[in-house]
Amino acid sequence: MHQIVYTVSASEDFSTADLKKLLLGARRRNKALGVSGMLVFHDGTFLQALEGEQRAINEIFASIVSDRRHRDIDVLHRGPGFDQRIFGDWSMGFADFTGAADILKGFVRLNEQLRIRELDGSQAMELLATCGAEDEIKSAGA
């Protein structure tokens, strides 16, 4: 199992519709490639973890790097991950606090004091895993 965890700044504003389109496209692509993960959007910054086969992770990340909507990519972790997936069979969980994710599956409301760019690799993975765990609890109650 290969993982990558990174932050990237949005080079343009993302509306609710933009976020939904981005997330739905990522879910389709990730499912087709057997990749799972979690995406957090806060204050113009994305924090994302992807896990799966190395070839698939590299393919997805290459497309993200070349996407004009992103700038200032900072890789926090890249390499072998855990033996078992952290994000299960999720093609992509999602969290933000702006309200944009209210219409999206996988929403977790985040603390407004969050500074994604200040997280190191282990803190970022802990946040992403916590978002995933909270969403699983919320989904089970629905």
Protein backbone atom coordinates (compact mmCIF):
# COMPACT_ATOMS: atom_id res chain seq x y z
CA MET A 1 0.00 0.00 0.00
CA HIS A 2 1.39 3.37 -1.06
CA GLN A 3 0.36 6.74 0.41
CA ILE A 4 0.80 10.39 -0.34
CA VAL A 5 -0.26 13.23 1.95
CA TYR A 6 0.08 16.78 0.71
CA THR A 7 -1.22 20.32 0.92
CA VAL A 8 -1.91 22.55 -2.04
CA SER A 9 -3.25 26.10 -2.33
CA ALA A 10 -6.13 26.88 -4.62
CA SER A 11 -5.05 29.31 -7.33
CA GLU A 12 -8.67 30.41 -7.77
CA ASP A 13 -11.79 30.61 -5.60
CA PHE A 14 -13.77 27.39 -5.29
CA SER A 15 -17.54 27.79 -5.10
CA THR A 16 -19.81 25.09 -3.70
CA ALA A 17 -20.45 23.92 -7.25
CA ASP A 18 -16.70 23.87 -8.01
CA LEU A 19 -15.98 21.80 -4.91
CA LYS A 20 -18.77 19.38 -5.74
CA LYS A 21 -17.50 18.97 -9.31
CA LEU A 22 -13.92 18.45 -8.09
CA LEU A 23 -15.00 15.90 -5.50
CA LEU A 24 -17.29 13.93 -7.80
CA GLY A 25 -14.57 13.75 -10.46
CA ALA A 26 -12.00 12.62 -7.89
CA ARG A 27 -14.35 9.95 -6.59
CA ARG A 28 -14.94 8.54 -10.10
CA ARG A 29 -11.24 8.54 -10.95
CA ASN A 30 -10.15 7.11 -7.61
CA LYS A 31 -12.72 4.33 -7.71
CA ALA A 32 -11.62 3.33 -11.20
CA LEU A 33 -7.98 3.18 -10.03
CA GLY A 34 -8.66 1.46 -6.69
CA VAL A 35 -7.55 4.49 -4.65
CA SER A 36 -9.09 5.65 -1.39
CA GLY A 37 -8.51 8.86 0.51
CA MET A 38 -9.66 11.93 2.34
CA LEU A 39 -9.80 15.57 1.22
CA VAL A 40 -10.03 18.56 3.54
CA PHE A 41 -10.64 22.08 2.22
CA HIS A 42 -10.13 25.07 4.49
CA ASP A 43 -9.32 28.71 3.86
CA GLY A 44 -8.21 28.18 0.26
CA THR A 45 -6.01 25.19 1.07
CA PHE A 46 -6.54 21.51 0.35
CA LEU A 47 -5.11 18.75 2.51
CA GLN A 48 -5.34 15.35 0.90
CA ALA A 49 -4.30 11.78 1.59
CA LEU A 50 -4.42 9.14 -1.10
CA GLU A 51 -3.72 5.44 -0.62
CA GLY A 52 -3.51 2.57 -3.05
CA GLU A 53 -1.13 1.02 -5.54
CA GLN A 54 1.95 3.16 -6.20
CA ARG A 55 1.31 3.40 -9.96
CA ALA A 56 -2.23 4.72 -9.37
CA ILE A 57 -1.11 7.20 -6.69
CA ASN A 58 1.65 8.52 -8.97
CA GLU A 59 -0.80 8.90 -11.87
CA ILE A 60 -3.29 10.85 -9.78
CA PHE A 61 -0.64 13.03 -8.17
CA ALA A 62 0.89 13.89 -11.57
CA SER A 63 -2.52 15.16 -12.72
CA ILE A 64 -2.90 17.23 -9.54
CA VAL A 65 0.55 18.79 -9.97
CA SER A 66 -0.29 19.82 -13.53
CA ASP A 67 -3.75 21.21 -12.65
CA ARG A 68 -3.74 25.02 -13.07
CA ARG A 69 -6.26 25.37 -10.20
CA HIS A 70 -3.51 24.39 -7.73
CA ARG A 71 -0.26 26.03 -6.63
CA ASP A 72 2.32 25.66 -3.85
CA ILE A 73 2.16 21.89 -3.46
CA ASP A 74 3.88 20.64 -0.31
CA VAL A 75 4.28 16.86 0.06
CA LEU A 76 4.11 15.91 3.75
CA HIS A 77 4.49 12.16 3.25
CA ARG A 78 5.07 9.93 0.23
CA GLY A 79 5.89 6.26 0.41
CA PRO A 80 4.77 3.01 1.91
CA GLY A 81 1.72 3.29 4.11
CA PHE A 82 0.05 0.93 6.51
CA ASP A 83 -0.75 -2.65 5.52
CA GLN A 84 -4.45 -1.84 5.77
CA ARG A 85 -6.27 1.13 4.26
CA ILE A 86 -7.03 3.97 6.66
CA PHE A 87 -9.92 5.21 4.53
CA GLY A 88 -11.44 1.83 3.75
CA ASP A 89 -13.29 1.69 0.47
CA TRP A 90 -13.94 5.45 0.28
CA SER A 91 -13.02 6.73 -3.13
CA MET A 92 -12.74 10.13 -1.41
CA GLY A 93 -14.07 11.44 1.89
CA PHE A 94 -14.45 15.21 2.15
CA ALA A 95 -14.43 17.83 4.91
CA ASP A 96 -14.61 21.60 5.12
CA PHE A 97 -16.21 24.19 7.39
CA THR A 98 -17.49 26.65 4.80
CA GLY A 99 -20.82 24.92 4.34
CA ALA A 100 -19.95 23.82 0.82
CA ALA A 101 -19.82 20.19 1.88
CA ASP A 102 -23.31 20.21 3.41
CA ILE A 103 -24.52 18.89 0.08
CA LEU A 104 -21.76 16.29 -0.22
CA LYS A 105 -21.41 12.84 1.29
CA GLY A 106 -18.49 12.57 3.70
CA PHE A 107 -18.83 15.97 5.36
CA VAL A 108 -17.23 16.77 8.72
CA ARG A 109 -17.34 20.33 10.10
CA LEU A 110 -13.87 21.54 11.10
CA ASN A 111 -12.62 23.99 13.69
CA GLU A 112 -12.22 27.45 12.14
CA GLN A 113 -8.79 27.82 13.80
CA LEU A 114 -7.31 25.08 11.65
CA ARG A 115 -4.07 26.06 9.89
CA ILE A 116 -3.50 23.31 7.35
CA ARG A 117 -0.14 24.67 6.19
CA GLU A 118 1.23 24.38 9.75
CA LEU A 119 0.64 20.62 10.01
CA ASP A 120 3.46 18.13 9.66
CA GLY A 121 2.95 14.74 8.01
CA SER A 122 1.82 12.85 11.12
CA GLN A 123 -0.50 15.67 12.25
CA ALA A 124 -2.02 15.86 8.78
CA MET A 125 -2.63 12.11 8.68
CA GLU A 126 -4.15 12.20 12.18
CA LEU A 127 -6.54 14.98 11.11
CA LEU A 128 -7.52 13.13 7.94
CA ALA A 129 -8.05 9.85 9.79
CA THR A 130 -10.14 11.64 12.45
CA CYS A 131 -12.31 13.21 9.77
CA GLY A 132 -12.80 9.78 8.25
CA ALA A 133 -13.67 8.19 11.61
CA GLU A 134 -16.15 10.93 12.47
CA ASP A 135 -17.84 10.57 9.11
CA GLU A 136 -18.16 6.80 9.52
CA ILE A 137 -19.88 7.34 12.89
CA LYS A 138 -22.19 9.96 11.37
CA SER A 139 -22.96 7.74 8.34
CA ALA A 140 -23.79 4.77 10.60
CA GLY A 141 -26.36 6.90 12.44
CA ALA A 142 -28.04 8.07 9.24
